[in-house]
Structures are given as C-alpha cells and as structure tokens.
C-alpha cells in the first residue's frame, strides 16, 4: 500500500506537466529562458511535421503551427553562417530559425563569437510595427542543435555574407 501511494505521488507532477515532447517526437532544439519558460522545437520521428512550443513547465502557451502536417516544414525559414579561425579570424557560428504567426515574427537564435567568446540563445519577437522583444535563453540548458535542420524540408535562406 505504501509503495502504491509513493508511486502515485511521484506520477502526479508528470500528469500535470506540459507536453513538450510527445512519444512520436524528438527534440531538434530546446532551451530554458531566464524568465522560467521553456522553448522546444520538435519534429515527428518520421518527419511528418515540425512544431515550435513555448510556455511554462505546467502549460504550453503557444504551439506553431497549430496543425501537425507535412506542410509545417514550409512555415519555417532557417539560416546559418560559420566562420572558423578563432579570434584572429573573428570566427563565429550563427544559427537562426524564423516563422510568422498572428502578425508577429519569431526568430530563434544561437550564436557564438570567437573574438569575445560570447555565447547566446533566445527568441526575438517582432510585432507588426517593428518593435522587438528579446527573450533571453540560458545557454547551458540547450539541448539539440538547429544545425540539424540543414538536411530537412525547412526553407533555407542565405545570409549573404
């Protein structure tokens, strides 16, 4: 009886926590934000869809796109740039994924600059008037890599550098 109680007591938090990863999915890229939220970019294991999720540990506040279809891949744009050579060559590694939803543009980013060895991740949200809001991510909580989008059906865009 005591073991049953302990089992159910441990399961309750799992039942009420948000579903950022379904059984048929895998994480492409995720991180926690400085304001206690979670960002998760996931895909179906058979590449049937891709989806962005954002919210608290108890509630997914936003899912994009709303429908999980093959067309979802075309709603995201990925661009990246890599220059090696360390500080002496101003090395950098830049990764961005963007999409638009309800007159807002969302841009996920992960950057590294060798000159000052700075690392950053987060989300930039731009409204229809061009006002930007930065949601800072905690770099050490990153899981996965946007670089895995190179060989997918996500639209690719050239930086032009």
Protein backbone atom coordinates (compact mmCIF):
# COMPACT_ATOMS: atom_id res chain seq x y z
CA UNK A 1 0.00 0.00 0.00
CA UNK A 2 2.76 2.42 0.92
CA UNK A 3 4.60 1.66 -2.33
CA UNK A 4 1.43 2.38 -4.32
CA UNK A 5 1.00 5.73 -2.59
CA UNK A 6 4.61 6.66 -3.30
CA UNK A 7 4.24 5.65 -6.96
CA UNK A 8 1.13 7.82 -7.45
CA UNK A 9 2.66 10.72 -5.53
CA UNK A 10 5.59 10.69 -7.96
CA UNK A 11 3.33 10.38 -11.01
CA UNK A 12 1.08 13.37 -10.21
CA UNK A 13 3.64 16.00 -11.29
CA UNK A 14 4.16 14.12 -14.56
CA UNK A 15 0.44 14.10 -15.27
CA UNK A 16 0.18 17.86 -14.85
CA UNK A 17 3.41 18.92 -16.55
CA UNK A 18 3.25 20.32 -20.06
CA UNK A 19 3.79 18.04 -23.05
CA UNK A 20 6.80 19.49 -24.83
CA UNK A 21 7.72 16.13 -26.36
CA UNK A 22 5.19 13.55 -27.47
CA UNK A 23 6.12 9.84 -27.76
CA UNK A 24 6.39 10.04 -31.57
CA UNK A 25 8.67 13.11 -31.47
CA UNK A 26 12.28 14.07 -30.99
CA UNK A 27 13.80 17.37 -29.96
CA UNK A 28 15.57 19.40 -32.62
CA UNK A 29 16.48 22.32 -30.35
CA UNK A 30 15.33 23.48 -26.92
CA UNK A 31 16.34 25.68 -24.02
CA UNK A 32 15.01 27.29 -20.85
CA UNK A 33 14.60 31.04 -20.70
CA UNK A 34 15.76 33.40 -17.99
CA UNK A 35 12.11 34.06 -17.07
CA UNK A 36 11.44 30.36 -16.34
CA UNK A 37 9.81 29.36 -19.63
CA UNK A 38 10.70 26.53 -22.00
CA UNK A 39 11.20 26.74 -25.75
CA UNK A 40 11.12 23.48 -27.66
CA UNK A 41 11.40 22.85 -31.39
CA UNK A 42 10.38 19.27 -32.12
CA UNK A 43 9.74 17.04 -35.10
CA UNK A 44 7.95 13.81 -35.70
CA UNK A 45 10.43 10.89 -35.75
CA UNK A 46 9.27 10.07 -39.30
CA UNK A 47 9.50 13.74 -40.38
CA UNK A 48 5.72 14.07 -40.71
CA UNK A 49 5.84 17.57 -39.14
CA UNK A 50 7.84 20.15 -37.21
CA UNK A 51 6.42 22.24 -34.34
CA UNK A 52 7.52 25.07 -32.05
CA UNK A 53 6.31 25.02 -28.44
CA UNK A 54 6.71 27.67 -25.75
CA UNK A 55 5.43 28.08 -22.21
CA UNK A 56 5.81 27.25 -18.57
CA UNK A 57 6.64 23.83 -17.17
CA UNK A 58 2.94 23.29 -16.49
CA UNK A 59 1.38 24.78 -19.63
CA UNK A 60 2.33 25.03 -23.29
CA UNK A 61 1.27 28.60 -24.07
CA UNK A 62 1.96 28.54 -27.80
CA UNK A 63 2.26 25.84 -30.45
CA UNK A 64 3.14 26.71 -34.03
CA UNK A 65 1.86 25.67 -36.40
CA UNK A 66 -1.40 24.55 -34.82
CA UNK A 67 -1.78 21.58 -37.17
CA UNK A 68 0.82 18.83 -37.35
CA UNK A 69 1.12 18.21 -41.08
CA UNK A 70 3.85 17.82 -43.70
CA UNK A 71 3.15 21.45 -44.73
CA UNK A 72 4.51 22.65 -41.38
CA UNK A 73 8.10 22.40 -42.67
CA UNK A 74 7.44 25.17 -45.20
CA UNK A 75 6.35 27.61 -42.49
CA UNK A 76 9.87 27.92 -41.04
CA UNK A 77 13.00 29.53 -42.52
CA UNK A 78 16.48 28.51 -41.39
CA UNK A 79 19.75 30.32 -42.00
CA UNK A 80 23.21 29.83 -40.61
CA UNK A 81 26.75 31.04 -41.03
CA UNK A 82 30.01 29.52 -39.81
CA UNK A 83 33.47 31.06 -39.99
CA UNK A 84 36.31 29.22 -38.33
CA UNK A 85 39.75 30.51 -37.47
CA UNK A 86 39.26 31.57 -33.87
CA UNK A 87 39.81 35.09 -32.53
CA UNK A 88 42.39 36.03 -35.15
CA UNK A 89 39.82 35.44 -37.91
CA UNK A 90 36.78 36.75 -35.97
CA UNK A 91 35.33 33.23 -36.01
CA UNK A 92 31.61 32.82 -35.49
CA UNK A 93 28.79 30.33 -35.60
CA UNK A 94 25.32 31.80 -36.19
CA UNK A 95 22.04 29.84 -36.37
CA UNK A 96 18.58 31.35 -36.84
CA UNK A 97 15.12 29.89 -37.39
CA UNK A 98 12.19 32.19 -38.09
CA UNK A 99 8.44 31.98 -38.60
CA UNK A 100 5.45 34.33 -38.55
CA UNK A 101 2.28 33.92 -36.51
CA UNK A 102 -0.59 36.37 -35.92
CA UNK A 103 1.32 39.44 -37.22
CA UNK A 104 4.40 38.63 -35.13
CA UNK A 105 7.73 37.38 -36.41
CA UNK A 106 9.61 34.95 -34.16
CA UNK A 107 13.32 34.31 -34.57
CA UNK A 108 15.07 31.62 -32.54
CA UNK A 109 18.82 32.09 -32.34
CA UNK A 110 22.01 30.51 -31.10
CA UNK A 111 25.22 32.48 -31.64
CA UNK A 112 28.91 32.18 -30.85
CA UNK A 113 31.56 34.86 -31.48
CA UNK A 114 35.21 33.85 -31.05
CA UNK A 115 36.51 37.41 -30.56
CA UNK A 116 34.98 37.71 -27.10
CA UNK A 117 33.98 34.04 -26.73
CA UNK A 118 30.36 35.09 -26.25
CA UNK A 119 27.55 32.58 -26.48
CA UNK A 120 23.85 33.45 -26.61
CA UNK A 121 20.50 31.90 -27.32
CA UNK A 122 16.95 33.15 -27.21
CA UNK A 123 13.93 34.34 -29.15
CA UNK A 124 13.41 37.73 -30.76
CA UNK A 125 9.73 38.60 -31.24
CA UNK A 126 8.93 41.46 -33.62
CA UNK A 127 5.46 42.98 -33.79
CA UNK A 128 3.80 44.44 -36.91
CA UNK A 129 5.21 47.91 -36.10
CA UNK A 130 8.79 46.62 -35.88
CA UNK A 131 9.09 46.68 -32.07
CA UNK A 132 11.39 43.89 -30.90
CA UNK A 133 11.21 41.96 -27.65
CA UNK A 134 14.12 39.71 -26.72
CA UNK A 135 13.51 36.61 -24.65
CA UNK A 136 16.90 35.57 -23.33
CA UNK A 137 17.69 31.89 -23.12
CA UNK A 138 20.02 30.12 -20.72
CA UNK A 139 22.82 28.79 -22.94
CA UNK A 140 23.81 25.90 -20.67
CA UNK A 141 20.25 24.46 -20.92
CA UNK A 142 20.41 23.99 -24.70
CA UNK A 143 19.52 20.55 -25.98
CA UNK A 144 19.95 19.62 -29.63
CA UNK A 145 21.15 21.82 -32.47
CA UNK A 146 19.39 23.91 -35.09
CA UNK A 147 22.18 22.77 -37.40
CA UNK A 148 20.19 19.52 -37.75
CA UNK A 149 17.75 21.49 -39.93
CA UNK A 150 20.28 21.55 -42.80
CA UNK A 151 19.02 18.25 -44.21
CA UNK A 152 15.29 18.82 -43.73
CA UNK A 153 12.43 20.35 -45.70
CA UNK A 154 12.65 23.67 -43.80
CA UNK A 155 13.21 26.60 -46.17
CA UNK A 156 16.86 27.69 -46.26
CA UNK A 157 17.89 31.31 -46.62
CA UNK A 158 21.36 32.65 -47.40
CA UNK A 159 22.85 35.29 -45.08
CA UNK A 160 24.56 37.00 -47.99
CA UNK A 161 27.83 37.38 -46.09
